[in-house]
Amino acid sequence: MIEVENIHKSFGETHILKGISTSFEQGKTNLVIGQSGSGKTVFLKCLLGLFEPEEGNICYSGKVYADLTRDERRDLRQDMGMVFQGSALFDSMTVEENVRFPLEMFTKKDKQEMQERVDTVLQRVNLVDAHKKYPSEISGGMKKRVAIARAIVMNPTYLFCDEPNSGLDPKTAILIDNLIQEITREFNITTVINTHDMNSVMEIGEKIIFLKDGFKEWEGTNKEIFKTDNEAVTNFVYSSELFKKVRQMYIEERN
């Protein structure tokens, strides 16, 4: 579980995050949504420990980040998996080399142990025949699955995903959403996802926070977001006629 307590983050005179408090539960897919410039990326980097807030605290399973020693912070970061927006695979490495990279960097496992772990996570993301392929030889959806495999190869407690559906067709995006949710539940991970994808909100938004101008404007579930009267949320989520219709259908199905 991650608990965020009244965090503020500024760069010079620009105040980006303005007193955000929330919590992200273990074993659930937690989504962060909002318009560009709302503070989502800075917020995610604070959760990753890349930025440190000037005020407030972030607690990981009860441990306050600001109170941790340098070694404890390093250990915490090794307990985090990250799926980057563009997958961020090494072009010169094969699929299995990309997935094995964190094990080689941060563990003392022998080659056989590393290979067994790589095989396990690639099988889990349904990539059993792609070990020797290079990123240029696989599809965008397969690259995302490699990125997920690499993110979970160290058995992380926390998984962070930055726009995991970026650049994917709708069908593939749904498959990636479902895979992330399945892994979150199966391994009881605390997963936080930055997204603009409203399909993700509808399908896997077990906890959603909506940021606007650096404030937490709203939080709730994917069921509650379709019933909220918060104007900022409805303007963001239902900016098209399609989602207005989807909202009505969603409400009718559950009433």
Protein backbone atom coordinates (compact mmCIF):
# COMPACT_ATOMS: atom_id res chain seq x y z
CA MET A 1 0.00 0.00 0.00
CA ILE A 2 1.12 3.55 -0.74
CA GLU A 3 -0.17 6.45 1.32
CA VAL A 4 0.27 10.03 0.12
CA GLU A 5 -0.10 12.76 2.72
CA ASN A 6 -0.49 16.39 1.65
CA ILE A 7 2.43 16.51 -0.79
CA HIS A 8 3.55 19.71 -2.49
CA LYS A 9 6.09 19.95 -5.29
CA SER A 10 7.40 23.07 -6.99
CA PHE A 11 10.03 23.93 -9.59
CA GLY A 12 11.22 27.45 -8.97
CA GLU A 13 8.13 29.60 -8.58
CA THR A 14 5.90 27.10 -10.38
CA HIS A 15 3.77 25.13 -7.91
CA ILE A 16 2.99 21.78 -9.57
CA LEU A 17 1.47 19.56 -6.86
CA LYS A 18 -0.75 21.32 -4.33
CA GLY A 19 -1.48 19.30 -1.23
CA ILE A 20 -2.38 15.92 -2.71
CA SER A 21 -3.49 13.21 -0.27
CA THR A 22 -4.65 9.76 -1.31
CA SER A 23 -3.85 6.06 -0.94
CA PHE A 24 -3.22 3.24 -3.37
CA GLU A 25 -4.31 -0.21 -2.26
CA GLN A 26 -2.38 -3.42 -2.68
CA GLY A 27 -3.77 -5.90 -5.18
CA LYS A 28 -5.76 -3.25 -7.04
CA THR A 29 -5.25 -1.23 -10.22
CA ASN A 30 -5.03 2.43 -9.19
CA LEU A 31 -5.39 4.95 -12.01
CA VAL A 32 -4.26 8.58 -12.13
CA ILE A 33 -6.05 10.65 -14.78
CA GLY A 34 -6.17 14.31 -15.78
CA GLN A 35 -5.43 16.68 -18.61
CA SER A 36 -1.91 17.41 -19.81
CA GLY A 37 -0.31 19.78 -17.33
CA SER A 38 -2.42 18.54 -14.42
CA GLY A 39 0.63 17.20 -12.56
CA LYS A 40 0.30 13.48 -13.34
CA THR A 41 3.89 12.95 -14.49
CA VAL A 42 5.41 14.90 -11.59
CA PHE A 43 3.17 12.98 -9.20
CA LEU A 44 4.31 9.65 -10.62
CA LYS A 45 7.97 10.68 -10.36
CA CYS A 46 7.40 11.61 -6.72
CA LEU A 47 5.96 8.14 -6.11
CA LEU A 48 9.03 6.64 -7.79
CA GLY A 49 11.36 8.66 -5.59
CA LEU A 50 12.78 10.60 -8.53
CA PHE A 51 11.41 13.86 -7.13
CA GLU A 52 11.12 14.60 -3.42
CA PRO A 53 8.21 16.81 -2.30
CA GLU A 54 8.96 19.98 -0.34
CA GLU A 55 6.05 19.24 1.97
CA GLY A 56 4.11 16.14 2.96
CA ASN A 57 5.00 12.46 3.08
CA ILE A 58 4.79 9.36 0.93
CA CYS A 59 4.59 6.09 2.86
CA TYR A 60 5.34 2.67 1.36
CA SER A 61 3.82 -0.14 3.41
CA GLY A 62 4.01 2.11 6.46
CA LYS A 63 7.56 3.38 5.83
CA VAL A 64 7.94 7.13 5.32
CA TYR A 65 10.22 7.76 2.34
CA ALA A 66 11.71 10.93 3.81
CA ASP A 67 12.84 8.97 6.89
CA LEU A 68 14.67 6.25 4.96
CA THR A 69 18.45 6.07 4.77
CA ARG A 70 20.21 6.13 1.41
CA ASP A 71 20.57 2.33 1.46
CA GLU A 72 16.92 1.88 2.42
CA ARG A 73 15.85 4.12 -0.46
CA ARG A 74 17.96 2.09 -2.87
CA ASP A 75 16.36 -1.12 -1.60
CA LEU A 76 12.90 0.42 -1.99
CA ARG A 77 13.56 1.43 -5.58
CA GLN A 78 14.61 -2.13 -6.36
CA ASP A 79 11.20 -3.17 -5.08
CA MET A 80 9.54 -1.04 -7.77
CA GLY A 81 8.74 -2.12 -11.32
CA MET A 82 8.23 0.46 -14.07
CA VAL A 83 6.51 0.21 -17.45
CA PHE A 84 7.50 3.25 -19.50
CA GLN A 85 5.27 4.97 -22.04
CA GLY A 86 7.43 3.98 -24.99
CA SER A 87 8.38 0.59 -23.48
CA ALA A 88 12.03 1.80 -23.30
CA LEU A 89 13.53 -1.48 -24.47
CA PHE A 90 17.20 -1.69 -25.42
CA ASP A 91 17.28 -2.05 -29.21
CA SER A 92 20.61 -3.89 -29.17
CA MET A 93 19.33 -6.56 -26.76
CA THR A 94 17.04 -9.49 -27.45
CA VAL A 95 13.75 -9.86 -25.62
CA GLU A 96 15.23 -12.19 -23.02
CA GLU A 97 18.29 -9.94 -22.56
CA ASN A 98 16.00 -6.95 -21.94
CA VAL A 99 14.03 -8.88 -19.33
CA ARG A 100 17.17 -10.28 -17.69
CA PHE A 101 18.84 -6.87 -17.41
CA PRO A 102 17.45 -5.95 -13.93
CA LEU A 103 18.48 -9.35 -12.57
CA GLU A 104 22.04 -8.86 -13.82
CA MET A 105 22.17 -5.34 -12.40
CA PHE A 106 20.64 -5.87 -8.98
CA THR A 107 20.87 -9.54 -7.98
CA LYS A 108 23.49 -12.21 -7.44
CA LYS A 109 21.52 -15.01 -9.08
CA ASP A 110 23.49 -17.43 -11.23
CA LYS A 111 22.82 -17.75 -14.95
CA GLN A 112 20.47 -20.70 -14.57
CA GLU A 113 18.38 -18.96 -11.90
CA MET A 114 18.14 -15.84 -14.03
CA GLN A 115 17.15 -17.81 -17.11
CA GLU A 116 14.46 -19.67 -15.19
CA ARG A 117 13.04 -16.40 -13.90
CA VAL A 118 13.12 -14.83 -17.39
CA ASP A 119 11.36 -17.86 -18.85
CA THR A 120 8.71 -17.69 -16.12
CA VAL A 121 7.80 -14.04 -16.62
CA LEU A 122 7.86 -14.26 -20.43
CA GLN A 123 5.50 -17.20 -20.22
CA ARG A 124 3.29 -15.21 -17.86
CA VAL A 125 2.91 -12.40 -20.40
CA ASN A 126 2.29 -14.93 -23.21
CA LEU A 127 5.61 -14.51 -24.99
CA VAL A 128 6.96 -18.05 -25.16
CA ASP A 129 8.61 -17.90 -28.59
CA ALA A 130 10.09 -14.40 -28.60
CA HIS A 131 13.23 -14.89 -26.47
CA LYS A 132 15.76 -14.38 -29.26
CA LYS A 133 13.91 -11.64 -31.15
CA TYR A 134 14.98 -8.01 -31.07
CA PRO A 135 12.55 -5.13 -30.36
CA SER A 136 12.59 -4.16 -34.04
CA GLU A 137 11.25 -7.62 -34.90
CA ILE A 138 8.15 -7.56 -32.68
CA SER A 139 4.88 -5.62 -32.64
CA GLY A 140 3.98 -2.71 -30.38
CA GLY A 141 1.77 -4.91 -28.25
CA MET A 142 4.55 -7.46 -27.83
CA LYS A 143 6.96 -4.68 -26.81
CA LYS A 144 4.54 -3.66 -24.07
CA ARG A 145 4.39 -7.24 -22.84
CA VAL A 146 8.19 -7.42 -22.79
CA ALA A 147 8.21 -4.17 -20.79
CA ILE A 148 5.73 -5.67 -18.31
CA ALA A 149 7.82 -8.84 -18.02
CA ARG A 150 10.92 -6.76 -17.30
CA ALA A 151 8.99 -4.72 -14.72
CA ILE A 152 7.89 -7.81 -12.76
CA VAL A 153 11.04 -9.92 -13.13
CA MET A 154 12.30 -8.74 -9.72
CA ASN A 155 9.00 -9.62 -7.99
CA PRO A 156 8.18 -5.99 -7.17
CA THR A 157 5.83 -4.88 -4.42
CA TYR A 158 4.97 -1.75 -6.42
CA LEU A 159 4.31 -1.46 -10.15
CA PHE A 160 4.13 1.88 -11.95
CA CYS A 161 2.89 2.28 -15.52
CA ASP A 162 3.11 5.50 -17.55
CA GLU A 163 0.54 5.51 -20.36
CA PRO A 164 0.92 1.75 -21.00
CA ASN A 165 -1.58 1.85 -23.88
CA SER A 166 0.09 4.68 -25.74
CA GLY A 167 0.36 3.90 -29.46
CA LEU A 168 -1.69 0.70 -29.29
CA ASP A 169 -4.84 -0.14 -31.20
CA PRO A 170 -7.98 -0.50 -29.02
CA LYS A 171 -8.02 -4.31 -29.06
CA THR A 172 -4.38 -4.58 -28.02
CA ALA A 173 -4.85 -1.87 -25.40
CA ILE A 174 -7.60 -3.93 -23.76
CA LEU A 175 -5.32 -6.98 -23.72
CA ILE A 176 -2.56 -4.96 -22.02
CA ASP A 177 -5.05 -3.55 -19.48
CA ASN A 178 -6.30 -7.02 -18.64
CA LEU A 179 -2.75 -8.36 -18.33
CA ILE A 180 -1.74 -5.59 -15.93
CA GLN A 181 -4.84 -6.19 -13.81
CA GLU A 182 -4.32 -9.96 -13.77
CA ILE A 183 -0.69 -9.59 -12.69
CA THR A 184 -1.65 -7.02 -10.04
CA ARG A 185 -4.15 -9.43 -8.48
CA GLU A 186 -2.10 -12.58 -8.96
CA PHE A 187 1.01 -11.20 -7.26
CA ASN A 188 -0.83 -8.78 -4.92
CA ILE A 189 1.09 -5.77 -6.24
CA THR A 190 0.28 -2.13 -5.56
CA THR A 191 -0.13 -0.85 -9.12
CA VAL A 192 -0.36 2.82 -10.12
CA ILE A 193 -1.14 3.74 -13.73
CA ASN A 194 -0.96 7.17 -15.38
CA THR A 195 -3.39 7.14 -18.30
CA HIS A 196 -5.49 9.19 -20.70
CA ASP A 197 -7.30 6.06 -21.90
CA MET A 198 -10.96 6.13 -20.88
CA ASN A 199 -11.31 2.48 -21.84
CA SER A 200 -8.80 1.75 -19.08
CA VAL A 201 -10.88 3.82 -16.68
CA MET A 202 -13.98 1.81 -17.54
CA GLU A 203 -12.34 -1.59 -17.55
CA ILE A 204 -9.76 -1.65 -14.76
CA GLY A 205 -10.27 1.55 -12.71
CA GLU A 206 -10.64 -0.01 -9.27
CA LYS A 207 -9.36 3.24 -7.74
CA ILE A 208 -9.15 6.46 -9.73
CA ILE A 209 -7.85 9.87 -8.78
CA PHE A 210 -8.42 12.85 -11.03
CA LEU A 211 -5.87 15.66 -10.94
CA LYS A 212 -6.59 19.19 -12.11
CA ASP A 213 -4.10 22.06 -11.95
CA GLY A 214 -2.05 20.20 -9.35
CA PHE A 215 -4.97 19.46 -7.02
CA LYS A 216 -6.73 16.17 -6.39
CA GLU A 217 -10.10 17.13 -7.80
CA TRP A 218 -11.87 13.78 -7.34
CA GLU A 219 -11.33 10.15 -6.39
CA GLY A 220 -13.45 7.05 -6.57
CA THR A 221 -14.02 3.84 -8.57
CA ASN A 222 -14.91 3.22 -12.21
CA LYS A 223 -18.50 2.69 -11.09
CA GLU A 224 -18.63 5.97 -9.19
CA ILE A 225 -17.03 8.04 -11.95
CA PHE A 226 -20.02 7.39 -14.20
CA LYS A 227 -22.35 8.81 -11.57
CA THR A 228 -20.35 11.79 -10.33
CA ASP A 229 -21.70 15.31 -10.66
CA ASN A 230 -18.22 16.82 -10.47
CA GLU A 231 -18.17 19.12 -13.49
CA ALA A 232 -14.40 18.97 -13.99
CA VAL A 233 -14.49 15.16 -14.11
CA THR A 234 -17.47 14.96 -16.44
CA ASN A 235 -15.97 17.55 -18.79
CA PHE A 236 -12.77 15.51 -18.97
CA VAL A 237 -14.25 12.03 -19.23
CA TYR A 238 -17.32 12.78 -21.34
CA SER A 239 -15.93 15.28 -23.80
CA SER A 240 -17.34 13.23 -26.68
CA GLU A 241 -20.85 12.02 -27.47
CA LEU A 242 -19.53 8.45 -27.48
CA PHE A 243 -18.61 8.51 -23.82
CA LYS A 244 -21.86 10.21 -22.90
CA LYS A 245 -23.66 7.25 -24.43
CA VAL A 246 -21.28 4.82 -22.77
CA ARG A 247 -21.93 6.46 -19.42
CA GLN A 248 -25.67 6.07 -19.78
CA MET A 249 -25.33 2.42 -20.83
CA TYR A 250 -22.95 1.74 -17.96
CA ILE A 251 -25.36 3.22 -15.42
CA GLU A 252 -28.35 1.33 -16.83
CA GLU A 253 -26.48 -2.00 -16.76
CA ARG A 254 -25.67 -1.60 -13.08
CA ASN A 255 -29.03 -0.30 -11.86
